[in-house]
Each structure stands twice: as structure tokens, then as C-alpha cells.
PDB file of N, CA and C in Angstrom:
ATOM      1  N   MET A   1     113.103 119.285  92.720  1.00  0.00           N
ATOM      2  CA  MET A   1     113.389 120.650  93.073  1.00  0.00           C
ATOM      3  C   MET A   1     112.303 121.252  93.873  1.00  0.00           C
ATOM      4  N   LYS A   2     112.620 122.085  94.821  1.00  0.00           N
ATOM      5  CA  LYS A   2     111.581 122.694  95.710  1.00  0.00           C
ATOM      6  C   LYS A   2     111.545 124.098  95.367  1.00  0.00           C
ATOM      7  N   ALA A   3     110.326 124.757  95.380  1.00  0.00           N
ATOM      8  CA  ALA A   3     110.124 126.125  95.223  1.00  0.00           C
ATOM      9  C   ALA A   3     109.433 126.714  96.357  1.00  0.00           C
ATOM     10  N   ARG A   4     109.740 127.917  96.738  1.00  0.00           N
ATOM     11  CA  ARG A   4     109.070 128.670  97.726  1.00  0.00           C
ATOM     12  C   ARG A   4     108.627 129.960  97.076  1.00  0.00           C
ATOM     13  N   VAL A   5     107.329 130.306  97.262  1.00  0.00           N
ATOM     14  CA  VAL A   5     106.883 131.519  96.674  1.00  0.00           C
ATOM     15  C   VAL A   5     106.389 132.379  97.779  1.00  0.00           C
ATOM     16  N   PHE A   6     106.816 133.670  97.790  1.00  0.00           N
ATOM     17  CA  PHE A   6     106.399 134.617  98.839  1.00  0.00           C
ATOM     18  C   PHE A   6     105.483 135.575  98.138  1.00  0.00           C
ATOM     19  N   VAL A   7     104.239 135.677  98.544  1.00  0.00           N
ATOM     20  CA  VAL A   7     103.209 136.607  98.039  1.00  0.00           C
ATOM     21  C   VAL A   7     102.857 137.660  99.011  1.00  0.00           C
ATOM     22  N   THR A   8     102.965 138.900  98.511  1.00  0.00           N
ATOM     23  CA  THR A   8     102.666 140.038  99.454  1.00  0.00           C
ATOM     24  C   THR A   8     101.901 141.082  98.648  1.00  0.00           C
ATOM     25  N   LEU A   9     101.173 141.951  99.416  1.00  0.00           N
ATOM     26  CA  LEU A   9     100.535 143.031  98.682  1.00  0.00           C
ATOM     27  C   LEU A   9     101.484 144.017  98.167  1.00  0.00           C
ATOM     28  N   LYS A  10     101.186 144.633  97.038  1.00  0.00           N
ATOM     29  CA  LYS A  10     102.065 145.700  96.388  1.00  0.00           C
ATOM     30  C   LYS A  10     101.971 146.920  97.295  1.00  0.00           C
ATOM     31  N   THR A  11     103.029 147.677  97.220  1.00  0.00           N
ATOM     32  CA  THR A  11     103.127 148.979  97.902  1.00  0.00           C
ATOM     33  C   THR A  11     101.954 149.826  97.469  1.00  0.00           C
ATOM     34  N   GLY A  12     101.327 150.440  98.424  1.00  0.00           N
ATOM     35  CA  GLY A  12     100.253 151.270  98.139  1.00  0.00           C
ATOM     36  C   GLY A  12      98.836 150.608  98.262  1.00  0.00           C
ATOM     37  N   VAL A  13      98.800 149.270  98.299  1.00  0.00           N
ATOM     38  CA  VAL A  13      97.621 148.589  98.504  1.00  0.00           C
ATOM     39  C   VAL A  13      97.331 148.458 100.056  1.00  0.00           C
ATOM     40  N   LEU A  14      96.221 148.891 100.510  1.00  0.00           N
ATOM     41  CA  LEU A  14      95.846 148.837 101.874  1.00  0.00           C
ATOM     42  C   LEU A  14      95.946 147.402 102.427  1.00  0.00           C
ATOM     43  N   ASP A  15      96.425 147.289 103.642  1.00  0.00           N
ATOM     44  CA  ASP A  15      96.586 145.871 104.192  1.00  0.00           C
ATOM     45  C   ASP A  15      95.959 145.942 105.625  1.00  0.00           C
ATOM     46  N   PRO A  16      94.694 145.791 105.679  1.00  0.00           N
ATOM     47  CA  PRO A  16      93.991 145.823 107.005  1.00  0.00           C
ATOM     48  C   PRO A  16      94.370 144.717 107.929  1.00  0.00           C
ATOM     49  N   GLN A  17      94.747 143.532 107.362  1.00  0.00           N
ATOM     50  CA  GLN A  17      95.267 142.526 108.293  1.00  0.00           C
ATOM     51  C   GLN A  17      96.636 142.843 108.921  1.00  0.00           C
ATOM     52  N   GLY A  18      97.475 143.408 108.090  1.00  0.00           N
ATOM     53  CA  GLY A  18      98.674 143.936 108.605  1.00  0.00           C
ATOM     54  C   GLY A  18      98.537 144.895 109.683  1.00  0.00           C
ATOM     55  N   LYS A  19      97.672 145.906 109.465  1.00  0.00           N
ATOM     56  CA  LYS A  19      97.453 146.923 110.483  1.00  0.00           C
ATOM     57  C   LYS A  19      96.851 146.282 111.772  1.00  0.00           C
ATOM     58  N   ALA A  20      96.034 145.285 111.656  1.00  0.00           N
ATOM     59  CA  ALA A  20      95.461 144.586 112.926  1.00  0.00           C
ATOM     60  C   ALA A  20      96.597 143.850 113.662  1.00  0.00           C
ATOM     61  N   ILE A  21      97.465 143.253 112.866  1.00  0.00           N
ATOM     62  CA  ILE A  21      98.662 142.550 113.542  1.00  0.00           C
ATOM     63  C   ILE A  21      99.477 143.594 114.255  1.00  0.00           C
ATOM     64  N   GLY A  22      99.786 144.644 113.522  1.00  0.00           N
ATOM     65  CA  GLY A  22     100.634 145.733 114.182  1.00  0.00           C
ATOM     66  C   GLY A  22     100.022 146.347 115.462  1.00  0.00           C
ATOM     67  N   HIS A  23      98.727 146.529 115.373  1.00  0.00           N
ATOM     68  CA  HIS A  23      97.991 147.075 116.530  1.00  0.00           C
ATOM     69  C   HIS A  23      97.975 146.136 117.621  1.00  0.00           C
ATOM     70  N   ALA A  24      97.836 144.788 117.336  1.00  0.00           N
ATOM     71  CA  ALA A  24      97.819 143.770 118.413  1.00  0.00           C
ATOM     72  C   ALA A  24      99.227 143.615 119.046  1.00  0.00           C
ATOM     73  N   LEU A  25     100.269 143.719 118.218  1.00  0.00           N
ATOM     74  CA  LEU A  25     101.535 143.619 118.743  1.00  0.00           C
ATOM     75  C   LEU A  25     101.983 144.763 119.637  1.00  0.00           C
ATOM     76  N   ASN A  26     101.504 146.013 119.275  1.00  0.00           N
ATOM     77  CA  ASN A  26     101.756 147.241 120.024  1.00  0.00           C
ATOM     78  C   ASN A  26     100.967 146.981 121.390  1.00  0.00           C
ATOM     79  N   GLY A  27      99.729 146.475 121.329  1.00  0.00           N
ATOM     80  CA  GLY A  27      98.942 146.222 122.597  1.00  0.00           C
ATOM     81  C   GLY A  27      99.546 145.236 123.515  1.00  0.00           C
ATOM     82  N   LEU A  28     100.367 144.314 122.920  1.00  0.00           N
ATOM     83  CA  LEU A  28     101.121 143.335 123.740  1.00  0.00           C
ATOM     84  C   LEU A  28     102.340 143.800 124.311  1.00  0.00           C
ATOM     85  N   GLY A  29     102.650 145.151 124.062  1.00  0.00           N
ATOM     86  CA  GLY A  29     103.868 145.661 124.638  1.00  0.00           C
ATOM     87  C   GLY A  29     105.083 145.703 123.622  1.00  0.00           C
ATOM     88  N   PHE A  30     104.856 145.434 122.303  1.00  0.00           N
ATOM     89  CA  PHE A  30     105.959 145.479 121.398  1.00  0.00           C
ATOM     90  C   PHE A  30     105.936 146.767 120.773  1.00  0.00           C
ATOM     91  N   ALA A  31     106.386 147.821 121.430  1.00  0.00           N
ATOM     92  CA  ALA A  31     106.279 149.211 121.014  1.00  0.00           C
ATOM     93  C   ALA A  31     107.104 149.557 119.923  1.00  0.00           C
ATOM     94  N   SER A  32     108.158 148.713 119.638  1.00  0.00           N
ATOM     95  CA  SER A  32     109.121 149.053 118.547  1.00  0.00           C
ATOM     96  C   SER A  32     108.561 148.676 117.192  1.00  0.00           C
ATOM     97  N   VAL A  33     107.462 147.958 117.141  1.00  0.00           N
ATOM     98  CA  VAL A  33     106.798 147.515 115.904  1.00  0.00           C
ATOM     99  C   VAL A  33     106.226 148.681 115.185  1.00  0.00           C
ATOM    100  N   GLY A  34     106.535 149.037 113.982  1.00  0.00           N
ATOM    101  CA  GLY A  34     105.905 150.065 113.180  1.00  0.00           C
ATOM    102  C   GLY A  34     104.963 149.427 112.231  1.00  0.00           C
ATOM    103  N   GLU A  35     104.984 149.773 110.985  1.00  0.00           N
ATOM    104  CA  GLU A  35     104.184 149.239 109.953  1.00  0.00           C
ATOM    105  C   GLU A  35     104.320 147.742 109.733  1.00  0.00           C
ATOM    106  N   VAL A  36     103.231 147.017 109.648  1.00  0.00           N
ATOM    107  CA  VAL A  36     103.298 145.612 109.441  1.00  0.00           C
ATOM    108  C   VAL A  36     102.596 145.252 108.068  1.00  0.00           C
ATOM    109  N   ARG A  37     103.227 144.424 107.271  1.00  0.00           N
ATOM    110  CA  ARG A  37     102.580 143.986 106.014  1.00  0.00           C
ATOM    111  C   ARG A  37     102.590 142.495 106.078  1.00  0.00           C
ATOM    112  N   GLN A  38     101.456 141.834 105.824  1.00  0.00           N
ATOM    113  CA  GLN A  38     101.310 140.508 105.924  1.00  0.00           C
ATOM    114  C   GLN A  38     101.284 139.770 104.512  1.00  0.00           C
ATOM    115  N   GLY A  39     101.580 138.619 104.408  1.00  0.00           N
ATOM    116  CA  GLY A  39     101.452 137.888 103.116  1.00  0.00           C
ATOM    117  C   GLY A  39     101.295 136.375 103.356  1.00  0.00           C
ATOM    118  N   LYS A  40     101.716 135.628 102.379  1.00  0.00           N
ATOM    119  CA  LYS A  40     101.585 134.143 102.492  1.00  0.00           C
ATOM    120  C   LYS A  40     102.803 133.512 101.770  1.00  0.00           C
ATOM    121  N   VAL A  41     103.102 132.320 102.243  1.00  0.00           N
ATOM    122  CA  VAL A  41     104.229 131.573 101.696  1.00  0.00           C
ATOM    123  C   VAL A  41     103.656 130.204 101.168  1.00  0.00           C
ATOM    124  N   ILE A  42     104.018 129.882  99.968  1.00  0.00           N
ATOM    125  CA  ILE A  42     103.539 128.629  99.299  1.00  0.00           C
ATOM    126  C   ILE A  42     104.778 127.789  98.968  1.00  0.00           C
ATOM    127  N   ASP A  43     104.823 126.561  99.433  1.00  0.00           N
ATOM    128  CA  ASP A  43     105.965 125.670  99.176  1.00  0.00           C
ATOM    129  C   ASP A  43     105.408 124.611  98.156  1.00  0.00           C
ATOM    130  N   LEU A  44     106.230 124.436  97.042  1.00  0.00           N
ATOM    131  CA  LEU A  44     105.857 123.536  95.974  1.00  0.00           C
ATOM    132  C   LEU A  44     107.073 122.495  95.836  1.00  0.00           C
ATOM    133  N   GLU A  45     106.727 121.321  95.588  1.00  0.00           N
ATOM    134  CA  GLU A  45     107.663 120.332  95.195  1.00  0.00           C
ATOM    135  C   GLU A  45     107.529 120.012  93.702  1.00  0.00           C
ATOM    136  N   LEU A  46     108.564 120.197  92.901  1.00  0.00           N
ATOM    137  CA  LEU A  46     108.509 120.018  91.435  1.00  0.00           C
ATOM    138  C   LEU A  46     109.303 118.815  91.000  1.00  0.00           C
ATOM    139  N   ASN A  47     108.689 118.196  89.884  1.00  0.00           N
ATOM    140  CA  ASN A  47     109.491 117.125  89.266  1.00  0.00           C
ATOM    141  C   ASN A  47     110.269 117.668  88.013  1.00  0.00           C
ATOM    142  N   GLU A  48     111.028 118.737  88.374  1.00  0.00           N
ATOM    143  CA  GLU A  48     111.853 119.392  87.336  1.00  0.00           C
ATOM    144  C   GLU A  48     113.222 119.551  87.854  1.00  0.00           C
ATOM    145  N   THR A  49     114.258 119.220  86.962  1.00  0.00           N
ATOM    146  CA  THR A  49     115.588 119.428  87.397  1.00  0.00           C
ATOM    147  C   THR A  49     116.300 120.601  86.824  1.00  0.00           C
ATOM    148  N   ASP A  50     115.744 121.205  85.751  1.00  0.00           N
ATOM    149  CA  ASP A  50     116.317 122.322  85.088  1.00  0.00           C
ATOM    150  C   ASP A  50     115.822 123.538  85.849  1.00  0.00           C
ATOM    151  N   GLU A  51     116.712 124.300  86.407  1.00  0.00           N
ATOM    152  CA  GLU A  51     116.287 125.517  87.174  1.00  0.00           C
ATOM    153  C   GLU A  51     115.581 126.561  86.406  1.00  0.00           C
ATOM    154  N   ALA A  52     115.986 126.808  85.153  1.00  0.00           N
ATOM    155  CA  ALA A  52     115.302 127.846  84.319  1.00  0.00           C
ATOM    156  C   ALA A  52     113.882 127.419  83.972  1.00  0.00           C
ATOM    157  N   LYS A  53     113.628 126.197  83.736  1.00  0.00           N
ATOM    158  CA  LYS A  53     112.309 125.607  83.396  1.00  0.00           C
ATOM    159  C   LYS A  53     111.442 125.647  84.579  1.00  0.00           C
ATOM    160  N   ALA A  54     112.088 125.309  85.733  1.00  0.00           N
ATOM    161  CA  ALA A  54     111.348 125.320  87.035  1.00  0.00           C
ATOM    162  C   ALA A  54     110.853 126.647  87.359  1.00  0.00           C
ATOM    163  N   LYS A  55     111.659 127.631  87.263  1.00  0.00           N
ATOM    164  CA  LYS A  55     111.421 129.082  87.607  1.00  0.00           C
ATOM    165  C   LYS A  55     110.311 129.592  86.587  1.00  0.00           C
ATOM    166  N   ALA A  56     110.419 129.256  85.401  1.00  0.00           N
ATOM    167  CA  ALA A  56     109.307 129.631  84.383  1.00  0.00           C
ATOM    168  C   ALA A  56     108.048 129.043  84.721  1.00  0.00           C
ATOM    169  N   GLU A  57     108.073 127.701  85.124  1.00  0.00           N
ATOM    170  CA  GLU A  57     106.808 127.007  85.418  1.00  0.00           C
ATOM    171  C   GLU A  57     106.178 127.695  86.649  1.00  0.00           C
ATOM    172  N   VAL A  58     106.935 127.884  87.666  1.00  0.00           N
ATOM    173  CA  VAL A  58     106.461 128.477  88.917  1.00  0.00           C
ATOM    174  C   VAL A  58     105.909 129.998  88.751  1.00  0.00           C
ATOM    175  N   LYS A  59     106.579 130.662  87.844  1.00  0.00           N
ATOM    176  CA  LYS A  59     106.173 132.059  87.403  1.00  0.00           C
ATOM    177  C   LYS A  59     104.748 131.941  86.842  1.00  0.00           C
ATOM    178  N   ALA A  60     104.581 130.996  85.844  1.00  0.00           N
ATOM    179  CA  ALA A  60     103.272 130.783  85.223  1.00  0.00           C
ATOM    180  C   ALA A  60     102.189 130.365  86.234  1.00  0.00           C
ATOM    181  N   MET A  61     102.494 129.606  87.222  1.00  0.00           N
ATOM    182  CA  MET A  61     101.667 129.206  88.279  1.00  0.00           C
ATOM    183  C   MET A  61     101.195 130.545  89.075  1.00  0.00           C
ATOM    184  N   CYS A  62     102.159 131.411  89.452  1.00  0.00           N
ATOM    185  CA  CYS A  62     101.845 132.592  90.152  1.00  0.00           C
ATOM    186  C   CYS A  62     100.884 133.444  89.282  1.00  0.00           C
ATOM    187  N   ASP A  63     101.306 133.669  88.050  1.00  0.00           N
ATOM    188  CA  ASP A  63     100.460 134.565  87.204  1.00  0.00           C
ATOM    189  C   ASP A  63      99.097 134.033  86.910  1.00  0.00           C
ATOM    190  N   LYS A  64      98.981 132.727  86.932  1.00  0.00           N
ATOM    191  CA  LYS A  64      97.577 132.152  86.680  1.00  0.00           C
ATOM    192  C   LYS A  64      96.696 131.883  87.921  1.00  0.00           C
ATOM    193  N   LEU A  65      97.368 131.546  88.997  1.00  0.00           N
ATOM    194  CA  LEU A  65      96.626 131.085  90.195  1.00  0.00           C
ATOM    195  C   LEU A  65      97.097 131.651  91.540  1.00  0.00           C
ATOM    196  N   LEU A  66      98.447 131.568  91.811  1.00  0.00           N
ATOM    197  CA  LEU A  66      98.864 131.679  93.206  1.00  0.00           C
ATOM    198  C   LEU A  66      98.922 133.114  93.675  1.00  0.00           C
ATOM    199  N   ALA A  67      98.918 134.142  92.798  1.00  0.00           N
ATOM    200  CA  ALA A  67      98.947 135.509  93.185  1.00  0.00           C
ATOM    201  C   ALA A  67      97.985 136.333  92.275  1.00  0.00           C
ATOM    202  N   ASN A  68      97.302 137.329  92.935  1.00  0.00           N
ATOM    203  CA  ASN A  68      96.433 138.206  92.183  1.00  0.00           C
ATOM    204  C   ASN A  68      97.379 139.343  91.821  1.00  0.00           C
ATOM    205  N   THR A  69      97.934 139.270  90.565  1.00  0.00           N
ATOM    206  CA  THR A  69      98.925 140.204  90.192  1.00  0.00           C
ATOM    207  C   THR A  69      98.456 141.666  90.120  1.00  0.00           C
ATOM    208  N   VAL A  70      97.221 141.914  90.140  1.00  0.00           N
ATOM    209  CA  VAL A  70      96.675 143.308  90.133  1.00  0.00           C
ATOM    210  C   VAL A  70      97.054 143.985  91.470  1.00  0.00           C
ATOM    211  N   ILE A  71      96.949 143.254  92.574  1.00  0.00           N
ATOM    212  CA  ILE A  71      97.283 143.844  93.909  1.00  0.00           C
ATOM    213  C   ILE A  71      98.376 143.154  94.679  1.00  0.00           C
ATOM    214  N   GLU A  72      98.964 142.083  94.118  1.00  0.00           N
ATOM    215  CA  GLU A  72     100.010 141.339  94.878  1.00  0.00           C
ATOM    216  C   GLU A  72     101.171 141.144  93.945  1.00  0.00           C
ATOM    217  N   LYS A  73     102.398 141.050  94.710  1.00  0.00           N
ATOM    218  CA  LYS A  73     103.641 140.824  93.964  1.00  0.00           C
ATOM    219  C   LYS A  73     104.131 139.499  94.657  1.00  0.00           C
ATOM    220  N   TYR A  74     105.053 138.814  93.922  1.00  0.00           N
ATOM    221  CA  TYR A  74     105.566 137.594  94.401  1.00  0.00           C
ATOM    222  C   TYR A  74     107.033 137.475  94.136  1.00  0.00           C
ATOM    223  N   GLU A  75     107.701 136.662  94.957  1.00  0.00           N
ATOM    224  CA  GLU A  75     109.132 136.278  94.802  1.00  0.00           C
ATOM    225  C   GLU A  75     109.262 134.809  94.809  1.00  0.00           C
ATOM    226  N   ILE A  76     110.117 134.303  93.998  1.00  0.00           N
ATOM    227  CA  ILE A  76     110.282 132.805  93.783  1.00  0.00           C
ATOM    228  C   ILE A  76     111.695 132.459  94.312  1.00  0.00           C
ATOM    229  N   GLU A  77     111.730 131.450  95.221  1.00  0.00           N
ATOM    230  CA  GLU A  77     113.000 130.973  95.640  1.00  0.00           C
ATOM    231  C   GLU A  77     113.093 129.480  95.345  1.00  0.00           C
ATOM    232  N   LEU A  78     114.114 129.002  94.629  1.00  0.00           N
ATOM    233  CA  LEU A  78     114.321 127.687  94.262  1.00  0.00           C
ATOM    234  C   LEU A  78     115.374 126.984  95.102  1.00  0.00           C
ATOM    235  N   LYS A  79     115.223 125.676  95.413  1.00  0.00           N
ATOM    236  CA  LYS A  79     116.227 124.878  96.138  1.00  0.00           C
ATOM    237  C   LYS A  79     116.326 123.547  95.333  1.00  0.00           C
ATOM    238  N   ALA A  80     117.463 123.052  95.121  1.00  0.00           N
ATOM    239  CA  ALA A  80     117.665 121.741  94.447  1.00  0.00           C
ATOM    240  C   ALA A  80     117.380 120.573  95.396  1.00  0.00           C
TER     241      ALA A  80
END
């Protein structure tokens, strides 16, 4: 089973890298770009066939290492 984890900053947490990306895009002529929030994507390959167990395992990974849950939120996507 494969898992994809999307980690982004929580609402209200300042995102200087997102601001820099937005400013650069505006400078390149992409005037329709408003606020930009950046994050990261983590792809995992799991040796688990039970979807519930896989999701619980990935959630534990996020809580312990992959995301700083004080300032970041995460979403998990599983694929068989």
C-alpha cells in the first residue's frame, strides 16, 4: 500500500516562504496570484494491506516525526 502525506502550516501561522513565492510569482507577471501557503509532500510505501492499520500507522508517523503538530497540520491519502 502507498501513502501520501500532505503537511502544511496551520491557519494563522506565518508562512514567510509562501509570501516569498507569492511575491516572486507576482513579479513574474502572475498578477492573479493572491495568498500562497507552501508545504511538503511525503510518499511512503508500506508493507500493510489493511487500510485501517495503514492509516493508523501513518498517523502515528506524522504525530511522532513527519509533522510538527504544534504549527503544522497533515492529511493522509492511501492507495492500494
